[in-house]
Amino acid sequence: MTGSQKLTVTYPDELAEEAVAKMARLKVGRLPVVDRNNPQKFIGYLGRTGIAAAWQLLLNEEEVREPGWLTAQGRLFRMRVRRVLGRFGSGD
């Protein structure tokens, strides 16, 4: 990558499924998280571990609502997470 290419980032207010879609499209395992109003301000990063934690939270909420029931948005998120995690194997 050259210094002239724009770095792909995610924002704290961005949906997890949007960040996962970026990661899958770009075939990357992590995205820097920056302030939307000040892109020079680094907040942290989103990696496979964070995505897996969000997925686990979604699955826990699914069991509380009704076992086996998952919203369409949740199914889409789960599919994208599986794709990203499958590409990079285990670990972060």
PDB file of N, CA and C in Angstrom:
ATOM      1  N   MET A   1       0.845  -1.174   0.000  1.00  0.00           N
ATOM      2  CA  MET A   1       0.000   0.000   0.000  1.00  0.00           C
ATOM      3  C   MET A   1       0.890   1.237   0.000  1.00  0.00           C
ATOM      4  N   THR A   2       0.532   2.181  -0.812  1.00  0.00           N
ATOM      5  CA  THR A   2       1.302   3.413  -0.861  1.00  0.00           C
ATOM      6  C   THR A   2       0.679   4.431   0.065  1.00  0.00           C
ATOM      7  N   GLY A   3       1.417   5.456   0.384  1.00  0.00           N
ATOM      8  CA  GLY A   3       0.947   6.507   1.271  1.00  0.00           C
ATOM      9  C   GLY A   3      -0.196   7.323   0.707  1.00  0.00           C
ATOM     10  N   SER A   4      -0.455   7.217  -0.576  1.00  0.00           N
ATOM     11  CA  SER A   4      -1.517   8.011  -1.183  1.00  0.00           C
ATOM     12  C   SER A   4      -2.880   7.330  -1.112  1.00  0.00           C
ATOM     13  N   GLN A   5      -2.930   6.041  -0.760  1.00  0.00           N
ATOM     14  CA  GLN A   5      -4.207   5.355  -0.672  1.00  0.00           C
ATOM     15  C   GLN A   5      -4.924   5.727   0.616  1.00  0.00           C
ATOM     16  N   LYS A   6      -6.245   5.839   0.528  1.00  0.00           N
ATOM     17  CA  LYS A   6      -7.043   6.206   1.691  1.00  0.00           C
ATOM     18  C   LYS A   6      -7.251   4.980   2.587  1.00  0.00           C
ATOM     19  N   LEU A   7      -7.042   5.152   3.874  1.00  0.00           N
ATOM     20  CA  LEU A   7      -7.222   4.096   4.856  1.00  0.00           C
ATOM     21  C   LEU A   7      -8.714   3.883   5.089  1.00  0.00           C
ATOM     22  N   THR A   8      -9.155   2.645   5.058  1.00  0.00           N
ATOM     23  CA  THR A   8     -10.552   2.328   5.346  1.00  0.00           C
ATOM     24  C   THR A   8     -10.712   2.210   6.849  1.00  0.00           C
ATOM     25  N   VAL A   9     -11.718   2.882   7.363  1.00  0.00           N
ATOM     26  CA  VAL A   9     -11.951   2.936   8.808  1.00  0.00           C
ATOM     27  C   VAL A   9     -13.404   2.613   9.106  1.00  0.00           C
ATOM     28  N   THR A  10     -13.718   2.504  10.385  1.00  0.00           N
ATOM     29  CA  THR A  10     -15.090   2.416  10.848  1.00  0.00           C
ATOM     30  C   THR A  10     -15.274   3.452  11.944  1.00  0.00           C
ATOM     31  N   TYR A  11     -16.526   3.696  12.303  1.00  0.00           N
ATOM     32  CA  TYR A  11     -16.856   4.735  13.271  1.00  0.00           C
ATOM     33  C   TYR A  11     -17.618   4.126  14.445  1.00  0.00           C
ATOM     34  N   PRO A  12     -17.551   4.743  15.610  1.00  0.00           N
ATOM     35  CA  PRO A  12     -18.231   4.184  16.783  1.00  0.00           C
ATOM     36  C   PRO A  12     -19.744   4.047  16.596  1.00  0.00           C
ATOM     37  N   ASP A  13     -20.332   4.902  15.760  1.00  0.00           N
ATOM     38  CA  ASP A  13     -21.777   4.862  15.560  1.00  0.00           C
ATOM     39  C   ASP A  13     -22.198   4.030  14.346  1.00  0.00           C
ATOM     40  N   GLU A  14     -21.243   3.382  13.694  1.00  0.00           N
ATOM     41  CA  GLU A  14     -21.547   2.567  12.529  1.00  0.00           C
ATOM     42  C   GLU A  14     -22.057   1.191  12.968  1.00  0.00           C
ATOM     43  N   LEU A  15     -23.026   0.656  12.251  1.00  0.00           N
ATOM     44  CA  LEU A  15     -23.535  -0.676  12.572  1.00  0.00           C
ATOM     45  C   LEU A  15     -22.440  -1.719  12.387  1.00  0.00           C
ATOM     46  N   ALA A  16     -22.435  -2.708  13.264  1.00  0.00           N
ATOM     47  CA  ALA A  16     -21.434  -3.767  13.192  1.00  0.00           C
ATOM     48  C   ALA A  16     -21.490  -4.480  11.847  1.00  0.00           C
ATOM     49  N   GLU A  17     -22.693  -4.691  11.322  1.00  0.00           N
ATOM     50  CA  GLU A  17     -22.793  -5.399  10.049  1.00  0.00           C
ATOM     51  C   GLU A  17     -22.159  -4.594   8.913  1.00  0.00           C
ATOM     52  N   GLU A  18     -22.182  -3.267   8.995  1.00  0.00           N
ATOM     53  CA  GLU A  18     -21.519  -2.451   7.978  1.00  0.00           C
ATOM     54  C   GLU A  18     -20.001  -2.609   8.067  1.00  0.00           C
ATOM     55  N   ALA A  19     -19.490  -2.630   9.291  1.00  0.00           N
ATOM     56  CA  ALA A  19     -18.050  -2.822   9.476  1.00  0.00           C
ATOM     57  C   ALA A  19     -17.633  -4.210   9.007  1.00  0.00           C
ATOM     58  N   VAL A  20     -18.443  -5.226   9.316  1.00  0.00           N
ATOM     59  CA  VAL A  20     -18.134  -6.596   8.882  1.00  0.00           C
ATOM     60  C   VAL A  20     -18.138  -6.670   7.360  1.00  0.00           C
ATOM     61  N   ALA A  21     -19.087  -5.988   6.725  1.00  0.00           N
ATOM     62  CA  ALA A  21     -19.145  -5.987   5.263  1.00  0.00           C
ATOM     63  C   ALA A  21     -17.873  -5.367   4.677  1.00  0.00           C
ATOM     64  N   LYS A  22     -17.401  -4.285   5.285  1.00  0.00           N
ATOM     65  CA  LYS A  22     -16.145  -3.660   4.825  1.00  0.00           C
ATOM     66  C   LYS A  22     -14.986  -4.637   4.962  1.00  0.00           C
ATOM     67  N   MET A  23     -14.917  -5.298   6.129  1.00  0.00           N
ATOM     68  CA  MET A  23     -13.825  -6.228   6.380  1.00  0.00           C
ATOM     69  C   MET A  23     -13.845  -7.374   5.368  1.00  0.00           C
ATOM     70  N   ALA A  24     -15.026  -7.895   5.090  1.00  0.00           N
ATOM     71  CA  ALA A  24     -15.145  -9.000   4.139  1.00  0.00           C
ATOM     72  C   ALA A  24     -14.777  -8.545   2.726  1.00  0.00           C
ATOM     73  N   ARG A  25     -15.267  -7.379   2.339  1.00  0.00           N
ATOM     74  CA  ARG A  25     -15.000  -6.852   1.001  1.00  0.00           C
ATOM     75  C   ARG A  25     -13.508  -6.605   0.783  1.00  0.00           C
ATOM     76  N   LEU A  26     -12.844  -6.079   1.815  1.00  0.00           N
ATOM     77  CA  LEU A  26     -11.427  -5.734   1.708  1.00  0.00           C
ATOM     78  C   LEU A  26     -10.501  -6.871   2.137  1.00  0.00           C
ATOM     79  N   LYS A  27     -11.102  -7.938   2.672  1.00  0.00           N
ATOM     80  CA  LYS A  27     -10.330  -9.093   3.149  1.00  0.00           C
ATOM     81  C   LYS A  27      -9.301  -8.678   4.203  1.00  0.00           C
ATOM     82  N   VAL A  28      -9.782  -7.908   5.192  1.00  0.00           N
ATOM     83  CA  VAL A  28      -8.940  -7.485   6.313  1.00  0.00           C
ATOM     84  C   VAL A  28      -9.543  -8.012   7.607  1.00  0.00           C
ATOM     85  N   GLY A  29      -8.710  -8.186   8.610  1.00  0.00           N
ATOM     86  CA  GLY A  29      -9.162  -8.705   9.896  1.00  0.00           C
ATOM     87  C   GLY A  29      -9.417  -7.651  10.947  1.00  0.00           C
ATOM     88  N   ARG A  30      -9.036  -6.413  10.665  1.00  0.00           N
ATOM     89  CA  ARG A  30      -9.205  -5.320  11.634  1.00  0.00           C
ATOM     90  C   ARG A  30      -9.474  -4.026  10.890  1.00  0.00           C
ATOM     91  N   LEU A  31     -10.217  -3.141  11.564  1.00  0.00           N
ATOM     92  CA  LEU A  31     -10.433  -1.793  11.047  1.00  0.00           C
ATOM     93  C   LEU A  31     -10.174  -0.796  12.160  1.00  0.00           C
ATOM     94  N   PRO A  32      -9.453   0.282  11.875  1.00  0.00           N
ATOM     95  CA  PRO A  32      -9.312   1.331  12.882  1.00  0.00           C
ATOM     96  C   PRO A  32     -10.657   2.013  13.111  1.00  0.00           C
ATOM     97  N   VAL A  33     -10.933   2.365  14.343  1.00  0.00           N
ATOM     98  CA  VAL A  33     -12.140   3.114  14.689  1.00  0.00           C
ATOM     99  C   VAL A  33     -11.703   4.543  14.946  1.00  0.00           C
ATOM    100  N   VAL A  34     -12.316   5.482  14.206  1.00  0.00           N
ATOM    101  CA  VAL A  34     -11.972   6.896  14.349  1.00  0.00           C
ATOM    102  C   VAL A  34     -13.232   7.711  14.588  1.00  0.00           C
ATOM    103  N   ASP A  35     -13.047   8.896  15.135  1.00  0.00           N
ATOM    104  CA  ASP A  35     -14.147   9.826  15.368  1.00  0.00           C
ATOM    105  C   ASP A  35     -14.670  10.303  14.018  1.00  0.00           C
ATOM    106  N   ARG A  36     -15.977  10.206  13.813  1.00  0.00           N
ATOM    107  CA  ARG A  36     -16.567  10.607  12.534  1.00  0.00           C
ATOM    108  C   ARG A  36     -16.328  12.093  12.243  1.00  0.00           C
ATOM    109  N   ASN A  37     -16.368  12.931  13.277  1.00  0.00           N
ATOM    110  CA  ASN A  37     -16.191  14.377  13.089  1.00  0.00           C
ATOM    111  C   ASN A  37     -14.728  14.791  13.018  1.00  0.00           C
ATOM    112  N   ASN A  38     -13.852  13.926  13.488  1.00  0.00           N
ATOM    113  CA  ASN A  38     -12.422  14.210  13.473  1.00  0.00           C
ATOM    114  C   ASN A  38     -11.677  12.920  13.113  1.00  0.00           C
ATOM    115  N   PRO A  39     -11.613  12.585  11.811  1.00  0.00           N
ATOM    116  CA  PRO A  39     -11.028  11.315  11.384  1.00  0.00           C
ATOM    117  C   PRO A  39      -9.562  11.122  11.787  1.00  0.00           C
ATOM    118  N   GLN A  40      -8.901  12.176  12.226  1.00  0.00           N
ATOM    119  CA  GLN A  40      -7.525  12.047  12.688  1.00  0.00           C
ATOM    120  C   GLN A  40      -7.463  11.506  14.121  1.00  0.00           C
ATOM    121  N   LYS A  41      -8.618  11.486  14.808  1.00  0.00           N
ATOM    122  CA  LYS A  41      -8.668  11.027  16.196  1.00  0.00           C
ATOM    123  C   LYS A  41      -8.935   9.519  16.238  1.00  0.00           C
ATOM    124  N   PHE A  42      -7.894   8.764  16.567  1.00  0.00           N
ATOM    125  CA  PHE A  42      -7.976   7.312  16.676  1.00  0.00           C
ATOM    126  C   PHE A  42      -8.632   6.946  17.993  1.00  0.00           C
ATOM    127  N   ILE A  43      -9.656   6.112  17.933  1.00  0.00           N
ATOM    128  CA  ILE A  43     -10.369   5.688  19.137  1.00  0.00           C
ATOM    129  C   ILE A  43      -9.974   4.277  19.542  1.00  0.00           C
ATOM    130  N   GLY A  44      -9.735   3.425  18.563  1.00  0.00           N
ATOM    131  CA  GLY A  44      -9.382   2.036  18.831  1.00  0.00           C
ATOM    132  C   GLY A  44      -9.441   1.253  17.534  1.00  0.00           C
ATOM    133  N   TYR A  45      -9.669  -0.039  17.650  1.00  0.00           N
ATOM    134  CA  TYR A  45      -9.827  -0.834  16.446  1.00  0.00           C
ATOM    135  C   TYR A  45     -10.891  -1.894  16.671  1.00  0.00           C
ATOM    136  N   LEU A  46     -11.501  -2.325  15.579  1.00  0.00           N
ATOM    137  CA  LEU A  46     -12.466  -3.405  15.607  1.00  0.00           C
ATOM    138  C   LEU A  46     -11.832  -4.593  14.919  1.00  0.00           C
ATOM    139  N   GLY A  47     -11.726  -5.685  15.629  1.00  0.00           N
ATOM    140  CA  GLY A  47     -11.142  -6.903  15.074  1.00  0.00           C
ATOM    141  C   GLY A  47     -12.098  -8.070  15.201  1.00  0.00           C
ATOM    142  N   ARG A  48     -11.630  -9.222  14.828  1.00  0.00           N
ATOM    143  CA  ARG A  48     -12.460 -10.425  14.871  1.00  0.00           C
ATOM    144  C   ARG A  48     -12.961 -10.723  16.285  1.00  0.00           C
ATOM    145  N   THR A  49     -12.162 -10.449  17.296  1.00  0.00           N
ATOM    146  CA  THR A  49     -12.582 -10.707  18.674  1.00  0.00           C
ATOM    147  C   THR A  49     -13.792  -9.855  19.034  1.00  0.00           C
ATOM    148  N   GLY A  50     -13.771  -8.584  18.655  1.00  0.00           N
ATOM    149  CA  GLY A  50     -14.908  -7.695  18.911  1.00  0.00           C
ATOM    150  C   GLY A  50     -16.157  -8.120  18.167  1.00  0.00           C
ATOM    151  N   ILE A  51     -15.970  -8.582  16.940  1.00  0.00           N
ATOM    152  CA  ILE A  51     -17.101  -9.054  16.145  1.00  0.00           C
ATOM    153  C   ILE A  51     -17.688 -10.313  16.775  1.00  0.00           C
ATOM    154  N   ALA A  52     -16.810 -11.218  17.194  1.00  0.00           N
ATOM    155  CA  ALA A  52     -17.278 -12.451  17.835  1.00  0.00           C
ATOM    156  C   ALA A  52     -18.039 -12.126  19.121  1.00  0.00           C
ATOM    157  N   ALA A  53     -17.590 -11.133  19.869  1.00  0.00           N
ATOM    158  CA  ALA A  53     -18.283 -10.733  21.099  1.00  0.00           C
ATOM    159  C   ALA A  53     -19.671 -10.174  20.775  1.00  0.00           C
ATOM    160  N   ALA A  54     -19.769  -9.366  19.714  1.00  0.00           N
ATOM    161  CA  ALA A  54     -21.070  -8.822  19.302  1.00  0.00           C
ATOM    162  C   ALA A  54     -21.992  -9.949  18.862  1.00  0.00           C
ATOM    163  N   TRP A  55     -21.439 -10.920  18.153  1.00  0.00           N
ATOM    164  CA  TRP A  55     -22.221 -12.063  17.702  1.00  0.00           C
ATOM    165  C   TRP A  55     -22.742 -12.843  18.907  1.00  0.00           C
ATOM    166  N   GLN A  56     -21.897 -13.058  19.891  1.00  0.00           N
ATOM    167  CA  GLN A  56     -22.305 -13.778  21.095  1.00  0.00           C
ATOM    168  C   GLN A  56     -23.424 -13.033  21.812  1.00  0.00           C
ATOM    169  N   LEU A  57     -23.327 -11.715  21.889  1.00  0.00           N
ATOM    170  CA  LEU A  57     -24.380 -10.912  22.506  1.00  0.00           C
ATOM    171  C   LEU A  57     -25.686 -11.093  21.751  1.00  0.00           C
ATOM    172  N   LEU A  58     -25.625 -11.085  20.436  1.00  0.00           N
ATOM    173  CA  LEU A  58     -26.808 -11.287  19.603  1.00  0.00           C
ATOM    174  C   LEU A  58     -27.427 -12.659  19.882  1.00  0.00           C
ATOM    175  N   LEU A  59     -26.589 -13.687  19.949  1.00  0.00           N
ATOM    176  CA  LEU A  59     -27.097 -15.031  20.219  1.00  0.00           C
ATOM    177  C   LEU A  59     -27.718 -15.122  21.612  1.00  0.00           C
ATOM    178  N   ASN A  60     -27.112 -14.464  22.595  1.00  0.00           N
ATOM    179  CA  ASN A  60     -27.674 -14.462  23.951  1.00  0.00           C
ATOM    180  C   ASN A  60     -29.034 -13.785  23.968  1.00  0.00           C
ATOM    181  N   GLU A  61     -29.155 -12.665  23.247  1.00  0.00           N
ATOM    182  CA  GLU A  61     -30.441 -11.962  23.179  1.00  0.00           C
ATOM    183  C   GLU A  61     -31.488 -12.818  22.476  1.00  0.00           C
ATOM    184  N   GLU A  62     -31.067 -13.561  21.465  1.00  0.00           N
ATOM    185  CA  GLU A  62     -31.982 -14.450  20.745  1.00  0.00           C
ATOM    186  C   GLU A  62     -32.573 -15.481  21.696  1.00  0.00           C
ATOM    187  N   GLU A  63     -31.758 -16.054  22.564  1.00  0.00           N
ATOM    188  CA  GLU A  63     -32.231 -17.066  23.499  1.00  0.00           C
ATOM    189  C   GLU A  63     -33.165 -16.483  24.542  1.00  0.00           C
ATOM    190  N   VAL A  64     -32.962 -15.219  24.909  1.00  0.00           N
ATOM    191  CA  VAL A  64     -33.838 -14.577  25.889  1.00  0.00           C
ATOM    192  C   VAL A  64     -35.213 -14.334  25.273  1.00  0.00           C
ATOM    193  N   ARG A  65     -35.234 -13.882  23.998  1.00  0.00           N
ATOM    194  CA  ARG A  65     -36.509 -13.608  23.333  1.00  0.00           C
ATOM    195  C   ARG A  65     -37.294 -14.896  23.140  1.00  0.00           C
ATOM    196  N   GLU A  66     -36.706 -15.816  22.404  1.00  0.00           N
ATOM    197  CA  GLU A  66     -37.321 -17.106  22.121  1.00  0.00           C
ATOM    198  C   GLU A  66     -36.271 -17.972  21.447  1.00  0.00           C
ATOM    199  N   PRO A  67     -35.934 -19.115  22.020  1.00  0.00           N
ATOM    200  CA  PRO A  67     -34.902 -19.962  21.412  1.00  0.00           C
ATOM    201  C   PRO A  67     -35.215 -20.272  19.942  1.00  0.00           C
ATOM    202  N   GLY A  68     -34.197 -20.092  19.107  1.00  0.00           N
ATOM    203  CA  GLY A  68     -34.344 -20.406  17.692  1.00  0.00           C
ATOM    204  C   GLY A  68     -34.854 -19.270  16.836  1.00  0.00           C
ATOM    205  N   TRP A  69     -35.269 -18.165  17.436  1.00  0.00           N
ATOM    206  CA  TRP A  69     -35.811 -17.051  16.679  1.00  0.00           C
ATOM    207  C   TRP A  69     -34.721 -16.019  16.474  1.00  0.00           C
ATOM    208  N   LEU A  70     -34.557 -15.551  15.242  1.00  0.00           N
ATOM    209  CA  LEU A  70     -33.534 -14.560  14.938  1.00  0.00           C
ATOM    210  C   LEU A  70     -34.075 -13.620  13.872  1.00  0.00           C
ATOM    211  N   THR A  71     -33.885 -12.339  14.067  1.00  0.00           N
ATOM    212  CA  THR A  71     -34.365 -11.368  13.092  1.00  0.00           C
ATOM    213  C   THR A  71     -33.611 -11.499  11.777  1.00  0.00           C
ATOM    214  N   ALA A  72     -34.187 -10.974  10.714  1.00  0.00           N
ATOM    215  CA  ALA A  72     -33.525 -10.997   9.402  1.00  0.00           C
ATOM    216  C   ALA A  72     -32.190 -10.279   9.478  1.00  0.00           C
ATOM    217  N   GLN A  73     -32.154  -9.162  10.182  1.00  0.00           N
ATOM    218  CA  GLN A  73     -30.904  -8.413  10.321  1.00  0.00           C
ATOM    219  C   GLN A  73     -29.877  -9.231  11.099  1.00  0.00           C
ATOM    220  N   GLY A  74     -30.322  -9.957  12.106  1.00  0.00           N
ATOM    221  CA  GLY A  74     -29.428 -10.808  12.880  1.00  0.00           C
ATOM    222  C   GLY A  74     -28.875 -11.950  12.044  1.00  0.00           C
ATOM    223  N   ARG A  75     -29.717 -12.547  11.186  1.00  0.00           N
ATOM    224  CA  ARG A  75     -29.245 -13.622  10.304  1.00  0.00           C
ATOM    225  C   ARG A  75     -28.202 -13.100   9.328  1.00  0.00           C
ATOM    226  N   LEU A  76     -28.435 -11.902   8.785  1.00  0.00           N
ATOM    227  CA  LEU A  76     -27.474 -11.298   7.860  1.00  0.00           C
ATOM    228  C   LEU A  76     -26.147 -11.040   8.576  1.00  0.00           C
ATOM    229  N   PHE A  77     -26.219 -10.488   9.783  1.00  0.00           N
ATOM    230  CA  PHE A  77     -25.011 -10.236  10.558  1.00  0.00           C
ATOM    231  C   PHE A  77     -24.270 -11.545  10.828  1.00  0.00           C
ATOM    232  N   ARG A  78     -24.999 -12.585  11.231  1.00  0.00           N
ATOM    233  CA  ARG A  78     -24.382 -13.870  11.515  1.00  0.00           C
ATOM    234  C   ARG A  78     -23.685 -14.428  10.276  1.00  0.00           C
ATOM    235  N   MET A  79     -24.325 -14.318   9.108  1.00  0.00           N
ATOM    236  CA  MET A  79     -23.732 -14.814   7.873  1.00  0.00           C
ATOM    237  C   MET A  79     -22.434 -14.076   7.560  1.00  0.00           C
ATOM    238  N   ARG A  80     -22.446 -12.759   7.721  1.00  0.00           N
ATOM    239  CA  ARG A  80     -21.240 -11.972   7.428  1.00  0.00           C
ATOM    240  C   ARG A  80     -20.128 -12.266   8.418  1.00  0.00           C
ATOM    241  N   VAL A  81     -20.483 -12.435   9.681  1.00  0.00           N
ATOM    242  CA  VAL A  81     -19.476 -12.760  10.694  1.00  0.00           C
ATOM    243  C   VAL A  81     -18.840 -14.107  10.377  1.00  0.00           C
ATOM    244  N   ARG A  82     -19.645 -15.085  10.026  1.00  0.00           N
ATOM    245  CA  ARG A  82     -19.101 -16.399   9.685  1.00  0.00           C
ATOM    246  C   ARG A  82     -18.131 -16.292   8.516  1.00  0.00           C
ATOM    247  N   ARG A  83     -18.486 -15.473   7.535  1.00  0.00           N
ATOM    248  CA  ARG A  83     -17.624 -15.306   6.360  1.00  0.00           C
ATOM    249  C   ARG A  83     -16.289 -14.692   6.770  1.00  0.00           C
ATOM    250  N   VAL A  84     -16.326 -13.643   7.577  1.00  0.00           N
ATOM    251  CA  VAL A  84     -15.092 -12.971   7.998  1.00  0.00           C
ATOM    252  C   VAL A  84     -14.252 -13.891   8.874  1.00  0.00           C
ATOM    253  N   LEU A  85     -14.873 -14.517   9.863  1.00  0.00           N
ATOM    254  CA  LEU A  85     -14.117 -15.378  10.768  1.00  0.00           C
ATOM    255  C   LEU A  85     -13.555 -16.592  10.026  1.00  0.00           C
ATOM    256  N   GLY A  86     -14.292 -17.095   9.060  1.00  0.00           N
ATOM    257  CA  GLY A  86     -13.830 -18.247   8.283  1.00  0.00           C
ATOM    258  C   GLY A  86     -12.621 -17.930   7.431  1.00  0.00           C
ATOM    259  N   ARG A  87     -12.520 -16.716   6.934  1.00  0.00           N
ATOM    260  CA  ARG A  87     -11.386 -16.329   6.085  1.00  0.00           C
ATOM    261  C   ARG A  87     -10.094 -16.235   6.862  1.00  0.00           C
ATOM    262  N   PHE A  88     -10.173 -15.882   8.116  1.00  0.00           N
ATOM    263  CA  PHE A  88      -8.967 -15.593   8.867  1.00  0.00           C
ATOM    264  C   PHE A  88      -8.623 -16.637   9.903  1.00  0.00           C
ATOM    265  N   GLY A  89      -9.425 -17.672  10.025  1.00  0.00           N
ATOM    266  CA  GLY A  89      -9.140 -18.718  10.994  1.00  0.00           C
ATOM    267  C   GLY A  89      -9.354 -18.221  12.405  1.00  0.00           C
ATOM    268  N   SER A  90      -8.793 -18.902  13.357  1.00  0.00           N
ATOM    269  CA  SER A  90      -8.998 -18.536  14.756  1.00  0.00           C
ATOM    270  C   SER A  90      -7.966 -17.523  15.191  1.00  0.00           C
ATOM    271  N   GLY A  91      -8.285 -16.837  16.273  1.00  0.00           N
ATOM    272  CA  GLY A  91      -7.367 -15.836  16.834  1.00  0.00           C
ATOM    273  C   GLY A  91      -7.600 -14.482  16.223  1.00  0.00           C
ATOM    274  N   ASP A  92      -6.992 -13.470  16.810  1.00  0.00           N
ATOM    275  CA  ASP A  92      -7.172 -12.109  16.336  1.00  0.00           C
ATOM    276  C   ASP A  92      -5.897 -11.491  15.917  1.00  0.00           C
TER     277      ASP A  92
END
